[in-house]
N, C-alpha and C. Protein backbone atom coordinates (compact mmCIF):
# COMPACT_ATOMS: atom_id res chain seq x y z
N UNK A 1 71.17 -29.49 -42.21
CA UNK A 1 72.28 -28.60 -41.98
C UNK A 1 72.00 -27.63 -40.83
N UNK A 2 70.73 -27.22 -40.69
CA UNK A 2 70.36 -26.33 -39.60
C UNK A 2 70.60 -26.98 -38.25
N UNK A 3 70.31 -28.28 -38.15
CA UNK A 3 70.53 -29.00 -36.89
C UNK A 3 72.02 -29.03 -36.55
N UNK A 4 72.86 -29.23 -37.54
CA UNK A 4 74.30 -29.27 -37.32
C UNK A 4 74.79 -27.91 -36.84
N UNK A 5 74.35 -26.84 -37.49
CA UNK A 5 74.76 -25.50 -37.10
C UNK A 5 74.25 -25.13 -35.71
N UNK A 6 73.01 -25.53 -35.40
CA UNK A 6 72.45 -25.26 -34.07
C UNK A 6 73.23 -26.03 -33.01
N UNK A 7 73.59 -27.27 -33.32
CA UNK A 7 74.39 -28.07 -32.38
C UNK A 7 75.76 -27.44 -32.17
N UNK A 8 76.39 -27.00 -33.25
CA UNK A 8 77.69 -26.35 -33.15
C UNK A 8 77.59 -25.08 -32.31
N UNK A 9 76.56 -24.28 -32.54
CA UNK A 9 76.38 -23.03 -31.78
C UNK A 9 76.15 -23.32 -30.30
N UNK A 10 75.29 -24.31 -30.00
CA UNK A 10 75.00 -24.65 -28.61
C UNK A 10 76.25 -25.19 -27.91
N UNK A 11 76.99 -26.06 -28.59
CA UNK A 11 78.20 -26.61 -28.01
C UNK A 11 79.27 -25.55 -27.79
N UNK A 12 79.39 -24.64 -28.73
CA UNK A 12 80.37 -23.55 -28.60
C UNK A 12 79.99 -22.64 -27.43
N UNK A 13 78.72 -22.29 -27.33
CA UNK A 13 78.25 -21.46 -26.22
C UNK A 13 78.48 -22.15 -24.88
N UNK A 14 78.22 -23.45 -24.83
CA UNK A 14 78.44 -24.23 -23.61
C UNK A 14 79.92 -24.21 -23.24
N UNK A 15 80.79 -24.45 -24.22
CA UNK A 15 82.23 -24.44 -23.97
C UNK A 15 82.73 -23.09 -23.50
N UNK A 16 82.21 -22.02 -24.09
CA UNK A 16 82.59 -20.67 -23.66
C UNK A 16 82.15 -20.43 -22.22
N UNK A 17 80.95 -20.86 -21.90
CA UNK A 17 80.46 -20.72 -20.53
C UNK A 17 81.31 -21.49 -19.53
N UNK A 18 81.70 -22.71 -19.90
CA UNK A 18 82.56 -23.51 -19.02
C UNK A 18 83.92 -22.84 -18.83
N UNK A 19 84.43 -22.24 -19.89
CA UNK A 19 85.73 -21.58 -19.82
C UNK A 19 85.65 -20.31 -18.97
N UNK A 20 84.65 -19.47 -19.21
CA UNK A 20 84.50 -18.23 -18.44
C UNK A 20 84.29 -18.52 -16.96
N UNK A 21 83.52 -19.57 -16.65
CA UNK A 21 83.24 -19.91 -15.26
C UNK A 21 84.38 -20.66 -14.58
N UNK A 22 85.41 -20.96 -15.33
CA UNK A 22 86.60 -21.68 -14.86
C UNK A 22 86.31 -23.14 -14.50
N UNK A 23 85.25 -23.69 -15.04
CA UNK A 23 84.96 -25.11 -14.82
C UNK A 23 86.02 -25.99 -15.49
N UNK A 24 86.81 -25.44 -16.40
CA UNK A 24 87.88 -26.21 -17.05
C UNK A 24 89.17 -26.18 -16.22
N UNK A 25 89.15 -25.47 -15.10
CA UNK A 25 90.31 -25.37 -14.21
C UNK A 25 90.15 -26.37 -13.08
N UNK A 26 90.90 -27.49 -13.10
CA UNK A 26 90.74 -28.51 -12.05
C UNK A 26 90.92 -27.96 -10.64
N UNK A 27 91.83 -27.02 -10.44
CA UNK A 27 92.04 -26.47 -9.10
C UNK A 27 90.79 -25.74 -8.59
N UNK A 28 90.11 -25.04 -9.49
CA UNK A 28 88.88 -24.33 -9.12
C UNK A 28 87.78 -25.31 -8.71
N UNK A 29 87.66 -26.39 -9.48
CA UNK A 29 86.63 -27.39 -9.21
C UNK A 29 86.93 -28.13 -7.91
N UNK A 30 88.19 -28.52 -7.71
CA UNK A 30 88.56 -29.22 -6.48
C UNK A 30 88.33 -28.30 -5.28
N UNK A 31 88.60 -27.00 -5.44
CA UNK A 31 88.33 -26.04 -4.37
C UNK A 31 86.85 -25.99 -4.02
N UNK A 32 86.00 -26.15 -5.02
CA UNK A 32 84.55 -26.18 -4.77
C UNK A 32 84.14 -27.46 -4.06
N UNK A 33 84.76 -28.57 -4.43
CA UNK A 33 84.39 -29.87 -3.85
C UNK A 33 85.00 -30.10 -2.48
N UNK A 34 85.98 -29.31 -2.09
CA UNK A 34 86.68 -29.49 -0.81
C UNK A 34 85.93 -28.76 0.30
N UNK A 35 84.87 -29.37 0.79
CA UNK A 35 84.05 -28.74 1.83
C UNK A 35 84.77 -28.64 3.17
N UNK A 36 85.71 -29.55 3.43
CA UNK A 36 86.40 -29.55 4.71
C UNK A 36 87.63 -28.66 4.71
N UNK A 37 88.07 -28.20 3.55
CA UNK A 37 89.28 -27.38 3.46
C UNK A 37 88.96 -25.95 3.13
N UNK A 38 89.70 -25.41 2.18
CA UNK A 38 89.54 -24.02 1.75
C UNK A 38 88.46 -23.97 0.67
N UNK A 39 87.20 -24.04 1.09
CA UNK A 39 86.08 -24.18 0.16
C UNK A 39 85.88 -22.91 -0.66
N UNK A 40 85.67 -23.10 -1.97
CA UNK A 40 85.42 -22.01 -2.91
C UNK A 40 84.00 -22.17 -3.45
N UNK A 41 83.03 -21.38 -2.97
CA UNK A 41 81.63 -21.58 -3.34
C UNK A 41 81.23 -20.99 -4.70
N UNK A 42 82.15 -20.38 -5.43
CA UNK A 42 81.76 -19.65 -6.64
C UNK A 42 81.12 -20.53 -7.71
N UNK A 43 81.51 -21.80 -7.80
CA UNK A 43 80.92 -22.66 -8.82
C UNK A 43 79.45 -23.00 -8.51
N UNK A 44 79.03 -22.80 -7.29
CA UNK A 44 77.61 -22.99 -6.97
C UNK A 44 76.77 -22.00 -7.76
N UNK A 45 77.29 -20.80 -7.99
CA UNK A 45 76.58 -19.81 -8.79
C UNK A 45 76.49 -20.23 -10.25
N UNK A 46 77.53 -20.90 -10.74
CA UNK A 46 77.51 -21.42 -12.11
C UNK A 46 76.40 -22.47 -12.22
N UNK A 47 76.35 -23.38 -11.26
CA UNK A 47 75.31 -24.42 -11.29
C UNK A 47 73.92 -23.81 -11.12
N UNK A 48 73.80 -22.84 -10.24
CA UNK A 48 72.51 -22.16 -10.06
C UNK A 48 72.06 -21.45 -11.32
N UNK A 49 73.00 -20.80 -12.01
CA UNK A 49 72.69 -20.14 -13.27
C UNK A 49 72.24 -21.14 -14.32
N UNK A 50 72.89 -22.30 -14.33
CA UNK A 50 72.48 -23.36 -15.27
C UNK A 50 71.06 -23.83 -14.99
N UNK A 51 70.72 -23.96 -13.72
CA UNK A 51 69.37 -24.37 -13.36
C UNK A 51 68.33 -23.31 -13.73
N UNK A 52 68.69 -22.04 -13.56
CA UNK A 52 67.76 -20.95 -13.91
C UNK A 52 67.40 -20.96 -15.39
N UNK A 53 68.31 -21.42 -16.22
CA UNK A 53 68.05 -21.50 -17.65
C UNK A 53 67.36 -22.82 -18.00
N UNK A 54 67.82 -23.91 -17.38
CA UNK A 54 67.34 -25.24 -17.73
C UNK A 54 65.89 -25.49 -17.31
N UNK A 55 65.54 -25.12 -16.10
CA UNK A 55 64.20 -25.46 -15.59
C UNK A 55 63.07 -24.87 -16.45
N UNK A 56 63.08 -23.58 -16.77
CA UNK A 56 62.01 -23.08 -17.65
C UNK A 56 62.08 -23.70 -19.05
N UNK A 57 63.29 -23.90 -19.56
CA UNK A 57 63.44 -24.51 -20.89
C UNK A 57 62.90 -25.93 -20.91
N UNK A 58 63.18 -26.68 -19.87
CA UNK A 58 62.68 -28.06 -19.76
C UNK A 58 61.15 -28.07 -19.68
N UNK A 59 60.61 -27.15 -18.90
CA UNK A 59 59.15 -27.04 -18.78
C UNK A 59 58.52 -26.74 -20.14
N UNK A 60 59.08 -25.76 -20.84
CA UNK A 60 58.53 -25.38 -22.15
C UNK A 60 58.68 -26.51 -23.17
N UNK A 61 59.79 -27.23 -23.13
CA UNK A 61 60.00 -28.34 -24.06
C UNK A 61 58.98 -29.44 -23.82
N UNK A 62 58.74 -29.77 -22.56
CA UNK A 62 57.74 -30.81 -22.25
C UNK A 62 56.35 -30.37 -22.70
N UNK A 63 56.05 -29.10 -22.48
CA UNK A 63 54.73 -28.57 -22.86
C UNK A 63 54.56 -28.60 -24.37
N UNK A 64 55.63 -28.28 -25.10
CA UNK A 64 55.59 -28.25 -26.56
C UNK A 64 55.49 -29.67 -27.14
N UNK A 65 56.22 -30.61 -26.54
CA UNK A 65 56.13 -32.01 -26.95
C UNK A 65 56.98 -32.41 -28.14
N UNK A 66 57.70 -31.46 -28.74
CA UNK A 66 58.56 -31.78 -29.88
C UNK A 66 59.78 -30.87 -29.84
N UNK A 67 60.85 -31.33 -30.43
CA UNK A 67 62.07 -30.52 -30.50
C UNK A 67 61.84 -29.34 -31.45
N UNK A 68 62.47 -28.22 -31.18
CA UNK A 68 62.28 -27.01 -31.98
C UNK A 68 62.70 -27.23 -33.43
N UNK A 69 63.78 -27.96 -33.65
CA UNK A 69 64.28 -28.18 -35.01
C UNK A 69 63.75 -29.48 -35.61
N UNK A 70 62.71 -30.03 -35.05
CA UNK A 70 62.11 -31.25 -35.58
C UNK A 70 62.63 -32.49 -34.88
N UNK A 71 61.99 -33.59 -35.13
CA UNK A 71 62.39 -34.83 -34.50
C UNK A 71 61.73 -35.02 -33.16
N UNK A 72 61.88 -36.20 -32.61
CA UNK A 72 61.24 -36.50 -31.33
C UNK A 72 61.95 -35.81 -30.16
N UNK A 73 61.21 -35.55 -29.12
CA UNK A 73 61.75 -35.00 -27.89
C UNK A 73 62.02 -36.18 -26.96
N UNK A 74 63.25 -36.42 -26.64
CA UNK A 74 63.63 -37.58 -25.82
C UNK A 74 63.77 -37.16 -24.37
N UNK A 75 62.77 -37.48 -23.58
CA UNK A 75 62.80 -37.21 -22.15
C UNK A 75 62.79 -38.55 -21.43
N UNK A 76 63.81 -38.81 -20.60
CA UNK A 76 63.86 -40.10 -19.89
C UNK A 76 62.62 -40.33 -19.03
N UNK A 77 62.17 -41.55 -19.02
CA UNK A 77 61.00 -41.90 -18.21
C UNK A 77 61.36 -42.82 -17.05
N UNK A 78 62.53 -43.43 -17.10
CA UNK A 78 62.95 -44.34 -16.04
C UNK A 78 63.33 -43.55 -14.80
N UNK A 79 62.64 -43.83 -13.69
CA UNK A 79 62.92 -43.14 -12.44
C UNK A 79 63.48 -44.08 -11.39
N UNK A 80 63.84 -45.28 -11.80
CA UNK A 80 64.34 -46.28 -10.86
C UNK A 80 65.75 -45.92 -10.39
N UNK A 81 65.95 -46.05 -9.10
CA UNK A 81 67.29 -45.87 -8.52
C UNK A 81 67.79 -47.28 -8.21
N UNK A 82 68.71 -47.75 -9.05
CA UNK A 82 69.22 -49.11 -8.90
C UNK A 82 70.72 -49.09 -8.62
N UNK A 83 71.30 -50.26 -8.45
CA UNK A 83 72.72 -50.37 -8.11
C UNK A 83 73.60 -49.76 -9.21
N UNK A 84 73.23 -49.97 -10.47
CA UNK A 84 74.04 -49.41 -11.57
C UNK A 84 74.09 -47.89 -11.50
N UNK A 85 72.97 -47.26 -11.18
CA UNK A 85 72.92 -45.80 -11.07
C UNK A 85 73.78 -45.33 -9.90
N UNK A 86 73.64 -45.97 -8.76
CA UNK A 86 74.38 -45.57 -7.56
C UNK A 86 75.88 -45.76 -7.77
N UNK A 87 76.28 -46.91 -8.30
CA UNK A 87 77.71 -47.18 -8.52
C UNK A 87 78.28 -46.21 -9.56
N UNK A 88 77.54 -46.00 -10.64
CA UNK A 88 78.00 -45.07 -11.66
C UNK A 88 78.14 -43.66 -11.11
N UNK A 89 77.19 -43.23 -10.28
CA UNK A 89 77.25 -41.90 -9.67
C UNK A 89 78.46 -41.77 -8.75
N UNK A 90 78.72 -42.82 -7.98
CA UNK A 90 79.88 -42.80 -7.09
C UNK A 90 81.18 -42.73 -7.87
N UNK A 91 81.28 -43.52 -8.93
CA UNK A 91 82.49 -43.49 -9.76
C UNK A 91 82.68 -42.11 -10.37
N UNK A 92 81.60 -41.54 -10.89
CA UNK A 92 81.68 -40.20 -11.48
C UNK A 92 82.13 -39.18 -10.44
N UNK A 93 81.50 -39.20 -9.27
CA UNK A 93 81.82 -38.23 -8.23
C UNK A 93 83.24 -38.34 -7.72
N UNK A 94 83.70 -39.56 -7.51
CA UNK A 94 85.08 -39.76 -7.05
C UNK A 94 86.06 -39.31 -8.13
N UNK A 95 85.79 -39.67 -9.37
CA UNK A 95 86.65 -39.24 -10.47
C UNK A 95 86.69 -37.73 -10.61
N UNK A 96 85.54 -37.09 -10.44
CA UNK A 96 85.46 -35.63 -10.52
C UNK A 96 86.28 -34.99 -9.40
N UNK A 97 86.16 -35.55 -8.19
CA UNK A 97 86.89 -35.01 -7.05
C UNK A 97 88.40 -35.21 -7.18
N UNK A 98 88.81 -36.33 -7.75
CA UNK A 98 90.24 -36.60 -7.91
C UNK A 98 90.83 -35.75 -9.03
N UNK A 99 90.18 -35.74 -10.18
CA UNK A 99 90.74 -35.06 -11.35
C UNK A 99 90.37 -33.58 -11.43
N UNK A 100 89.26 -33.21 -10.83
CA UNK A 100 88.78 -31.83 -10.96
C UNK A 100 88.16 -31.55 -12.31
N UNK A 101 87.88 -32.62 -13.06
CA UNK A 101 87.29 -32.49 -14.39
C UNK A 101 86.18 -33.50 -14.55
N UNK A 102 85.20 -33.14 -15.36
CA UNK A 102 84.20 -34.09 -15.84
C UNK A 102 84.15 -33.92 -17.36
N UNK A 103 83.41 -34.77 -18.07
CA UNK A 103 83.53 -34.78 -19.53
C UNK A 103 83.36 -33.44 -20.24
N UNK A 104 82.34 -32.68 -19.95
CA UNK A 104 82.12 -31.41 -20.65
C UNK A 104 83.27 -30.44 -20.50
N UNK A 105 83.65 -30.10 -19.26
CA UNK A 105 84.78 -29.19 -19.07
C UNK A 105 86.10 -29.75 -19.62
N UNK A 106 86.30 -31.05 -19.55
CA UNK A 106 87.54 -31.63 -20.08
C UNK A 106 87.63 -31.42 -21.59
N UNK A 107 86.52 -31.64 -22.28
CA UNK A 107 86.51 -31.44 -23.73
C UNK A 107 86.70 -29.96 -24.06
N UNK A 108 86.03 -29.08 -23.31
CA UNK A 108 86.23 -27.64 -23.53
C UNK A 108 87.66 -27.24 -23.23
N UNK A 109 88.28 -27.88 -22.25
CA UNK A 109 89.65 -27.58 -21.87
C UNK A 109 90.67 -27.97 -22.92
N UNK A 110 90.29 -28.83 -23.85
CA UNK A 110 91.21 -29.21 -24.93
C UNK A 110 91.63 -27.98 -25.73
N UNK A 111 90.72 -27.01 -25.86
CA UNK A 111 91.03 -25.81 -26.64
C UNK A 111 92.09 -24.95 -25.98
N UNK A 112 92.28 -25.12 -24.66
CA UNK A 112 93.30 -24.34 -23.96
C UNK A 112 94.67 -25.01 -24.03
N UNK A 113 94.67 -26.27 -24.47
CA UNK A 113 95.94 -27.00 -24.56
C UNK A 113 96.39 -27.57 -23.23
N UNK A 114 95.51 -27.57 -22.24
CA UNK A 114 95.87 -28.08 -20.91
C UNK A 114 96.15 -29.58 -20.96
N UNK A 115 97.32 -29.97 -20.49
CA UNK A 115 97.72 -31.38 -20.48
C UNK A 115 96.71 -32.22 -19.71
N UNK A 116 96.21 -31.69 -18.59
CA UNK A 116 95.27 -32.45 -17.77
C UNK A 116 94.00 -32.80 -18.56
N UNK A 117 93.56 -31.90 -19.42
CA UNK A 117 92.38 -32.18 -20.24
C UNK A 117 92.65 -33.29 -21.24
N UNK A 118 93.82 -33.26 -21.87
CA UNK A 118 94.17 -34.30 -22.84
C UNK A 118 94.27 -35.67 -22.16
N UNK A 119 94.87 -35.71 -20.98
CA UNK A 119 95.00 -36.98 -20.24
C UNK A 119 93.61 -37.47 -19.84
N UNK A 120 92.79 -36.57 -19.33
CA UNK A 120 91.44 -36.96 -18.90
C UNK A 120 90.62 -37.49 -20.07
N UNK A 121 90.63 -36.78 -21.19
CA UNK A 121 89.83 -37.20 -22.35
C UNK A 121 90.33 -38.54 -22.88
N UNK A 122 91.64 -38.74 -22.92
CA UNK A 122 92.19 -40.03 -23.36
C UNK A 122 91.73 -41.15 -22.43
N UNK A 123 91.79 -40.92 -21.12
CA UNK A 123 91.34 -41.92 -20.15
C UNK A 123 89.84 -42.17 -20.28
N UNK A 124 89.08 -41.11 -20.48
CA UNK A 124 87.63 -41.24 -20.63
C UNK A 124 87.28 -42.07 -21.86
N UNK A 125 87.92 -41.78 -22.99
CA UNK A 125 87.65 -42.55 -24.21
C UNK A 125 88.07 -44.00 -24.05
N UNK A 126 89.18 -44.23 -23.37
CA UNK A 126 89.62 -45.61 -23.11
C UNK A 126 88.59 -46.34 -22.27
N UNK A 127 88.10 -45.69 -21.23
CA UNK A 127 87.07 -46.29 -20.39
C UNK A 127 85.80 -46.59 -21.16
N UNK A 128 85.42 -45.69 -22.05
CA UNK A 128 84.22 -45.91 -22.87
C UNK A 128 84.41 -47.12 -23.79
N UNK A 129 85.59 -47.26 -24.37
CA UNK A 129 85.87 -48.40 -25.24
C UNK A 129 85.88 -49.71 -24.45
N UNK A 130 86.52 -49.69 -23.28
CA UNK A 130 86.55 -50.89 -22.44
C UNK A 130 85.13 -51.30 -22.08
N UNK A 131 84.30 -50.33 -21.69
CA UNK A 131 82.91 -50.64 -21.35
C UNK A 131 82.18 -51.23 -22.54
N UNK A 132 82.36 -50.61 -23.69
CA UNK A 132 81.65 -51.06 -24.90
C UNK A 132 81.99 -52.51 -25.24
N UNK A 133 83.25 -52.90 -25.07
CA UNK A 133 83.65 -54.24 -25.47
C UNK A 133 83.52 -55.28 -24.35
N UNK A 134 83.25 -54.85 -23.13
CA UNK A 134 83.15 -55.81 -22.03
C UNK A 134 81.74 -55.93 -21.44
N UNK A 135 80.86 -55.03 -21.75
CA UNK A 135 79.52 -55.09 -21.15
C UNK A 135 78.73 -56.28 -21.71
N UNK A 136 77.84 -56.74 -20.89
CA UNK A 136 76.97 -57.84 -21.31
C UNK A 136 75.74 -57.25 -21.98
N UNK A 137 75.49 -57.67 -23.20
CA UNK A 137 74.35 -57.13 -23.96
C UNK A 137 73.05 -57.70 -23.50
């Protein structure tokens, strides 16, 4: 039960942070990604703040070797840059630039009732289902 409550607290805090930083606002995100137009650099501070918290936490987690609430610590070991990674990154980046949303902010945006978030999440879930049923095992 503690793991569930900790997950709920972390997810809620993450969603609040996305909302306060306006990452759930597609216009704000597109303004950040539009380097050739009316560029809005404010989201760089959001990303920088995320790194300031993540890097020491990641270091401490690796040093500790186990998750705080028990269970294994899952740190990816694959460092290969292959076609699947590059294509997936390109699809993600293009989708982010077109929609102004990525999965985390879109899910947080559901709480605001924004139509764009509902459309994005529906499309994302559809894509996940299509992938699940069409991928080669």
